[in-house]
Amino acid sequence: MNTAKDRLLEFLVYLGIGQNAFEKNVGISNGYISHNKGSIGSEIVSKISKIYSELNTDWLLSGNGEMIKSTVNQNNVNGDNIQGHNVSVEKSQTDKFLDLLKTKDDQLSKSQEQIDRLIGLLEKNNK
């Protein structure tokens, strides 16, 4: 049977970080995860969710649902939705990754343009 501790360790594998780094990021005591018996208190869950908002805390505590929140909600100009309720905006990990790829692709394109200009100048000077 998977415990909340087991699911937390699974999340750390997903993040690609160790227990010490995670504990430091969240602001919990060093060794908390190692010494944990299986359940996670609400205060710790609150700290985790503030730093790692993509984590589905229902999944962490109960195993229900998916590990990562996948819903992306968008605010309108006034910060509320059609019914007048506040809506939070969270990008999925996939969207964040795609944004990062686009940024890197743009940087590579600019670098390639600079290289092409330099080659042109060198060829012009060598004639």
N, C-alpha and C. Protein backbone atom coordinates (compact mmCIF):
# COMPACT_ATOMS: atom_id res chain seq x y z
N MET A 1 0.84 -1.19 0.00
CA MET A 1 0.00 0.00 0.00
C MET A 1 0.88 1.25 0.00
N ASN A 2 0.59 2.17 -0.89
CA ASN A 2 1.34 3.42 -0.97
C ASN A 2 0.92 4.38 0.12
N THR A 3 1.89 4.96 0.79
CA THR A 3 1.61 5.97 1.81
C THR A 3 1.86 7.35 1.19
N ALA A 4 1.49 8.38 1.93
CA ALA A 4 1.76 9.75 1.49
C ALA A 4 3.27 9.95 1.33
N LYS A 5 4.05 9.34 2.20
CA LYS A 5 5.50 9.42 2.08
C LYS A 5 5.96 8.80 0.77
N ASP A 6 5.40 7.64 0.41
CA ASP A 6 5.76 6.98 -0.85
C ASP A 6 5.43 7.89 -2.04
N ARG A 7 4.26 8.52 -1.98
CA ARG A 7 3.85 9.41 -3.07
C ARG A 7 4.76 10.65 -3.12
N LEU A 8 5.15 11.15 -1.96
CA LEU A 8 6.06 12.29 -1.93
C LEU A 8 7.40 11.92 -2.56
N LEU A 9 7.89 10.73 -2.25
CA LEU A 9 9.15 10.27 -2.85
C LEU A 9 8.99 10.12 -4.38
N GLU A 10 7.83 9.68 -4.82
CA GLU A 10 7.56 9.59 -6.26
C GLU A 10 7.60 10.98 -6.90
N PHE A 11 7.04 11.97 -6.19
CA PHE A 11 7.06 13.35 -6.68
C PHE A 11 8.50 13.86 -6.78
N LEU A 12 9.34 13.51 -5.82
CA LEU A 12 10.74 13.93 -5.87
C LEU A 12 11.45 13.34 -7.07
N VAL A 13 11.14 12.10 -7.40
CA VAL A 13 11.71 11.47 -8.60
C VAL A 13 11.24 12.24 -9.83
N TYR A 14 9.95 12.59 -9.85
CA TYR A 14 9.40 13.38 -10.96
C TYR A 14 10.14 14.71 -11.10
N LEU A 15 10.42 15.36 -9.97
CA LEU A 15 11.12 16.65 -9.98
C LEU A 15 12.60 16.49 -10.32
N GLY A 16 13.13 15.30 -10.03
CA GLY A 16 14.55 15.07 -10.25
C GLY A 16 15.43 15.71 -9.20
N ILE A 17 14.91 15.81 -7.97
CA ILE A 17 15.71 16.38 -6.87
C ILE A 17 15.74 15.41 -5.70
N GLY A 18 16.72 15.58 -4.85
CA GLY A 18 16.87 14.74 -3.67
C GLY A 18 16.04 15.25 -2.50
N GLN A 19 15.99 14.42 -1.48
CA GLN A 19 15.20 14.76 -0.30
C GLN A 19 15.72 16.01 0.39
N ASN A 20 17.03 16.14 0.51
CA ASN A 20 17.60 17.30 1.21
C ASN A 20 17.26 18.60 0.48
N ALA A 21 17.40 18.60 -0.83
CA ALA A 21 17.10 19.81 -1.61
C ALA A 21 15.62 20.15 -1.48
N PHE A 22 14.77 19.14 -1.54
CA PHE A 22 13.33 19.37 -1.41
C PHE A 22 13.01 19.95 -0.04
N GLU A 23 13.55 19.36 1.01
CA GLU A 23 13.29 19.84 2.37
C GLU A 23 13.75 21.29 2.53
N LYS A 24 14.89 21.62 1.94
CA LYS A 24 15.40 22.99 2.01
C LYS A 24 14.48 23.94 1.25
N ASN A 25 14.05 23.55 0.03
CA ASN A 25 13.16 24.39 -0.77
C ASN A 25 11.85 24.68 -0.06
N VAL A 26 11.31 23.66 0.61
CA VAL A 26 10.01 23.78 1.26
C VAL A 26 10.13 24.46 2.62
N GLY A 27 11.30 24.37 3.22
CA GLY A 27 11.50 24.97 4.54
C GLY A 27 11.09 24.04 5.67
N ILE A 28 11.33 22.75 5.45
CA ILE A 28 11.06 21.77 6.52
C ILE A 28 12.39 21.20 6.99
N SER A 29 12.36 20.58 8.15
CA SER A 29 13.61 20.14 8.77
C SER A 29 14.32 19.09 7.93
N ASN A 30 15.64 19.16 7.98
CA ASN A 30 16.47 18.19 7.28
C ASN A 30 16.21 16.81 7.88
N GLY A 31 15.90 15.84 7.06
CA GLY A 31 15.61 14.49 7.53
C GLY A 31 14.13 14.23 7.75
N TYR A 32 13.28 15.24 7.52
CA TYR A 32 11.83 15.06 7.72
C TYR A 32 11.31 13.86 6.95
N ILE A 33 11.68 13.79 5.68
CA ILE A 33 11.14 12.71 4.84
C ILE A 33 11.68 11.36 5.31
N SER A 34 12.97 11.29 5.59
CA SER A 34 13.57 10.02 6.03
C SER A 34 12.94 9.49 7.31
N HIS A 35 12.62 10.39 8.22
CA HIS A 35 12.07 9.99 9.51
C HIS A 35 10.55 9.89 9.53
N ASN A 36 9.93 10.26 8.43
CA ASN A 36 8.47 10.23 8.35
C ASN A 36 7.98 8.78 8.33
N LYS A 37 6.89 8.52 9.04
CA LYS A 37 6.34 7.17 9.14
C LYS A 37 5.31 6.85 8.06
N GLY A 38 4.93 7.82 7.25
CA GLY A 38 3.99 7.52 6.16
C GLY A 38 2.97 8.60 5.91
N SER A 39 2.54 9.32 6.94
CA SER A 39 1.55 10.38 6.73
C SER A 39 2.25 11.74 6.76
N ILE A 40 1.58 12.72 6.20
CA ILE A 40 2.15 14.07 6.14
C ILE A 40 1.12 15.03 6.73
N GLY A 41 1.55 15.84 7.67
CA GLY A 41 0.65 16.78 8.34
C GLY A 41 0.21 17.91 7.43
N SER A 42 -0.92 18.52 7.78
CA SER A 42 -1.50 19.57 6.95
C SER A 42 -0.60 20.79 6.85
N GLU A 43 0.16 21.11 7.89
CA GLU A 43 1.07 22.25 7.85
C GLU A 43 2.18 22.02 6.82
N ILE A 44 2.69 20.80 6.77
CA ILE A 44 3.74 20.46 5.80
C ILE A 44 3.16 20.46 4.38
N VAL A 45 1.96 19.92 4.23
CA VAL A 45 1.31 19.92 2.91
C VAL A 45 1.11 21.35 2.42
N SER A 46 0.73 22.24 3.32
CA SER A 46 0.56 23.65 2.97
C SER A 46 1.87 24.26 2.49
N LYS A 47 2.96 23.98 3.18
CA LYS A 47 4.27 24.48 2.78
C LYS A 47 4.66 23.94 1.40
N ILE A 48 4.42 22.65 1.20
CA ILE A 48 4.76 22.02 -0.08
C ILE A 48 3.97 22.66 -1.21
N SER A 49 2.67 22.85 -1.00
CA SER A 49 1.82 23.37 -2.07
C SER A 49 2.14 24.82 -2.42
N LYS A 50 2.70 25.57 -1.47
CA LYS A 50 3.10 26.95 -1.77
C LYS A 50 4.30 26.99 -2.71
N ILE A 51 5.20 26.04 -2.56
CA ILE A 51 6.41 26.00 -3.38
C ILE A 51 6.18 25.21 -4.67
N TYR A 52 5.44 24.12 -4.57
CA TYR A 52 5.20 23.24 -5.72
C TYR A 52 3.70 23.22 -6.01
N SER A 53 3.22 24.31 -6.58
CA SER A 53 1.79 24.46 -6.81
C SER A 53 1.24 23.48 -7.85
N GLU A 54 2.13 22.91 -8.66
CA GLU A 54 1.67 21.95 -9.65
C GLU A 54 1.29 20.60 -9.04
N LEU A 55 1.71 20.35 -7.80
CA LEU A 55 1.42 19.09 -7.13
C LEU A 55 -0.04 19.03 -6.70
N ASN A 56 -0.70 17.97 -7.05
CA ASN A 56 -2.08 17.73 -6.64
C ASN A 56 -2.04 17.19 -5.20
N THR A 57 -2.39 18.03 -4.23
CA THR A 57 -2.30 17.64 -2.83
C THR A 57 -3.29 16.54 -2.47
N ASP A 58 -4.40 16.45 -3.19
CA ASP A 58 -5.34 15.34 -2.96
C ASP A 58 -4.65 14.02 -3.29
N TRP A 59 -3.92 14.01 -4.40
CA TRP A 59 -3.16 12.81 -4.77
C TRP A 59 -2.12 12.50 -3.70
N LEU A 60 -1.41 13.53 -3.24
CA LEU A 60 -0.37 13.33 -2.24
C LEU A 60 -0.93 12.68 -0.98
N LEU A 61 -2.06 13.18 -0.51
CA LEU A 61 -2.62 12.70 0.75
C LEU A 61 -3.38 11.38 0.62
N SER A 62 -4.11 11.21 -0.50
CA SER A 62 -4.99 10.04 -0.60
C SER A 62 -4.65 9.09 -1.73
N GLY A 63 -3.88 9.56 -2.70
CA GLY A 63 -3.59 8.74 -3.87
C GLY A 63 -4.64 8.88 -4.96
N ASN A 64 -5.65 9.72 -4.73
CA ASN A 64 -6.72 9.92 -5.72
C ASN A 64 -6.29 10.94 -6.76
N GLY A 65 -6.61 10.66 -8.02
CA GLY A 65 -6.32 11.59 -9.10
C GLY A 65 -4.91 11.43 -9.62
N GLU A 66 -4.46 12.46 -10.31
CA GLU A 66 -3.13 12.48 -10.92
C GLU A 66 -2.17 13.24 -10.02
N MET A 67 -0.88 12.93 -10.13
CA MET A 67 0.13 13.58 -9.32
C MET A 67 0.21 15.08 -9.63
N ILE A 68 0.14 15.44 -10.91
CA ILE A 68 0.31 16.82 -11.33
C ILE A 68 -1.04 17.38 -11.77
N LYS A 69 -1.33 18.59 -11.32
CA LYS A 69 -2.55 19.27 -11.76
C LYS A 69 -2.43 19.52 -13.25
N SER A 70 -3.49 19.26 -13.98
CA SER A 70 -3.40 19.46 -15.43
C SER A 70 -4.32 20.55 -15.94
N THR A 71 -5.16 21.10 -15.09
CA THR A 71 -6.10 22.12 -15.51
C THR A 71 -5.42 23.48 -15.58
N VAL A 72 -5.68 24.18 -16.67
CA VAL A 72 -5.19 25.55 -16.80
C VAL A 72 -6.40 26.46 -16.84
N ASN A 73 -6.53 27.30 -15.84
CA ASN A 73 -7.61 28.28 -15.79
C ASN A 73 -7.05 29.64 -16.17
N GLN A 74 -7.86 30.46 -16.78
CA GLN A 74 -7.39 31.77 -17.20
C GLN A 74 -8.28 32.85 -16.61
N ASN A 75 -7.67 33.90 -16.07
CA ASN A 75 -8.42 35.05 -15.59
C ASN A 75 -8.74 35.98 -16.74
N ASN A 76 -9.87 36.68 -16.64
CA ASN A 76 -10.12 37.74 -17.61
C ASN A 76 -9.49 39.03 -17.06
N VAL A 77 -9.70 40.13 -17.71
CA VAL A 77 -9.07 41.39 -17.33
C VAL A 77 -9.39 41.77 -15.89
N ASN A 78 -10.60 41.49 -15.43
CA ASN A 78 -11.01 41.86 -14.08
C ASN A 78 -10.57 40.85 -13.02
N GLY A 79 -9.95 39.74 -13.43
CA GLY A 79 -9.49 38.75 -12.47
C GLY A 79 -10.57 37.80 -12.01
N ASP A 80 -11.66 37.73 -12.74
CA ASP A 80 -12.70 36.79 -12.36
C ASP A 80 -13.25 36.11 -13.61
N ASN A 81 -14.03 35.07 -13.40
CA ASN A 81 -14.60 34.40 -14.55
C ASN A 81 -16.00 34.92 -14.82
N ILE A 82 -16.71 34.30 -15.73
CA ILE A 82 -18.02 34.79 -16.15
C ILE A 82 -19.01 34.89 -14.99
N GLN A 83 -18.96 33.92 -14.06
CA GLN A 83 -19.88 33.96 -12.92
C GLN A 83 -19.41 34.90 -11.82
N GLY A 84 -18.29 35.56 -12.01
CA GLY A 84 -17.81 36.51 -11.01
C GLY A 84 -16.96 35.89 -9.92
N HIS A 85 -16.57 34.63 -10.08
CA HIS A 85 -15.73 33.97 -9.08
C HIS A 85 -14.27 34.11 -9.46
N ASN A 86 -13.42 34.24 -8.45
CA ASN A 86 -11.99 34.32 -8.71
C ASN A 86 -11.51 33.00 -9.30
N VAL A 87 -10.56 33.11 -10.21
CA VAL A 87 -10.01 31.95 -10.88
C VAL A 87 -8.49 32.06 -10.81
N SER A 88 -7.82 30.98 -10.45
CA SER A 88 -6.36 31.01 -10.42
C SER A 88 -5.82 30.55 -11.76
N VAL A 89 -4.63 31.04 -12.08
CA VAL A 89 -3.98 30.67 -13.33
C VAL A 89 -2.78 29.81 -13.00
N GLU A 90 -2.76 28.61 -13.52
CA GLU A 90 -1.62 27.72 -13.35
C GLU A 90 -1.33 27.05 -14.67
N LYS A 91 -0.09 27.11 -15.07
CA LYS A 91 0.30 26.41 -16.28
C LYS A 91 0.71 24.99 -15.91
N SER A 92 0.39 24.07 -16.77
CA SER A 92 0.81 22.70 -16.55
C SER A 92 2.31 22.61 -16.81
N GLN A 93 2.92 21.55 -16.34
CA GLN A 93 4.35 21.33 -16.56
C GLN A 93 4.64 21.30 -18.06
N THR A 94 3.74 20.73 -18.84
CA THR A 94 3.92 20.65 -20.28
C THR A 94 3.97 22.04 -20.89
N ASP A 95 3.04 22.91 -20.48
CA ASP A 95 3.03 24.28 -21.00
C ASP A 95 4.32 25.02 -20.61
N LYS A 96 4.78 24.83 -19.38
CA LYS A 96 6.02 25.48 -18.94
C LYS A 96 7.19 24.98 -19.78
N PHE A 97 7.22 23.68 -20.04
CA PHE A 97 8.29 23.09 -20.84
C PHE A 97 8.26 23.62 -22.27
N LEU A 98 7.06 23.71 -22.85
CA LEU A 98 6.93 24.23 -24.21
C LEU A 98 7.36 25.69 -24.30
N ASP A 99 7.03 26.48 -23.27
CA ASP A 99 7.49 27.87 -23.22
C ASP A 99 9.01 27.95 -23.18
N LEU A 100 9.61 27.08 -22.38
CA LEU A 100 11.06 27.05 -22.27
C LEU A 100 11.69 26.67 -23.61
N LEU A 101 11.12 25.66 -24.28
CA LEU A 101 11.63 25.25 -25.59
C LEU A 101 11.54 26.39 -26.60
N LYS A 102 10.42 27.11 -26.59
CA LYS A 102 10.25 28.22 -27.52
C LYS A 102 11.30 29.30 -27.26
N THR A 103 11.54 29.59 -26.00
CA THR A 103 12.55 30.59 -25.64
C THR A 103 13.93 30.17 -26.14
N LYS A 104 14.27 28.91 -25.92
CA LYS A 104 15.58 28.40 -26.35
C LYS A 104 15.67 28.40 -27.87
N ASP A 105 14.59 28.05 -28.57
CA ASP A 105 14.56 28.05 -30.02
C ASP A 105 14.77 29.47 -30.56
N ASP A 106 14.11 30.45 -29.92
CA ASP A 106 14.29 31.85 -30.32
C ASP A 106 15.74 32.29 -30.13
N GLN A 107 16.35 31.88 -29.02
CA GLN A 107 17.73 32.24 -28.76
C GLN A 107 18.66 31.62 -29.80
N LEU A 108 18.39 30.36 -30.16
CA LEU A 108 19.21 29.70 -31.17
C LEU A 108 19.07 30.39 -32.53
N SER A 109 17.85 30.80 -32.87
CA SER A 109 17.62 31.48 -34.14
C SER A 109 18.41 32.79 -34.20
N LYS A 110 18.40 33.55 -33.10
CA LYS A 110 19.14 34.81 -33.05
C LYS A 110 20.64 34.56 -33.16
N SER A 111 21.11 33.51 -32.51
CA SER A 111 22.53 33.17 -32.58
C SER A 111 22.91 32.79 -34.01
N GLN A 112 22.06 32.01 -34.66
CA GLN A 112 22.33 31.61 -36.03
C GLN A 112 22.36 32.82 -36.96
N GLU A 113 21.47 33.78 -36.75
CA GLU A 113 21.47 35.00 -37.55
C GLU A 113 22.79 35.76 -37.38
N GLN A 114 23.27 35.84 -36.15
CA GLN A 114 24.53 36.53 -35.89
C GLN A 114 25.69 35.80 -36.56
N ILE A 115 25.69 34.49 -36.51
CA ILE A 115 26.74 33.69 -37.14
C ILE A 115 26.71 33.92 -38.66
N ASP A 116 25.52 33.90 -39.24
CA ASP A 116 25.39 34.12 -40.68
C ASP A 116 25.92 35.50 -41.08
N ARG A 117 25.63 36.53 -40.28
CA ARG A 117 26.11 37.88 -40.56
C ARG A 117 27.64 37.94 -40.48
N LEU A 118 28.20 37.30 -39.46
CA LEU A 118 29.66 37.28 -39.31
C LEU A 118 30.32 36.55 -40.47
N ILE A 119 29.76 35.45 -40.90
CA ILE A 119 30.31 34.72 -42.05
C ILE A 119 30.26 35.60 -43.29
N GLY A 120 29.14 36.31 -43.47
CA GLY A 120 29.01 37.22 -44.61
C GLY A 120 30.08 38.30 -44.57
N LEU A 121 30.32 38.87 -43.40
CA LEU A 121 31.34 39.91 -43.26
C LEU A 121 32.72 39.36 -43.54
N LEU A 122 33.01 38.16 -43.05
CA LEU A 122 34.31 37.54 -43.29
C LEU A 122 34.52 37.26 -44.77
N GLU A 123 33.48 36.75 -45.42
CA GLU A 123 33.59 36.46 -46.85
C GLU A 123 33.79 37.76 -47.65
N LYS A 124 33.12 38.81 -47.23
CA LYS A 124 33.22 40.11 -47.90
C LYS A 124 34.65 40.67 -47.74
N ASN A 125 35.23 40.52 -46.54
CA ASN A 125 36.57 41.03 -46.28
C ASN A 125 37.65 40.21 -46.97
N ASN A 126 37.37 38.94 -47.23
CA ASN A 126 38.38 38.07 -47.86
C ASN A 126 38.39 38.18 -49.38
N LYS A 127 37.47 38.97 -49.95
CA LYS A 127 37.41 39.09 -51.42
C LYS A 127 38.37 40.13 -51.91
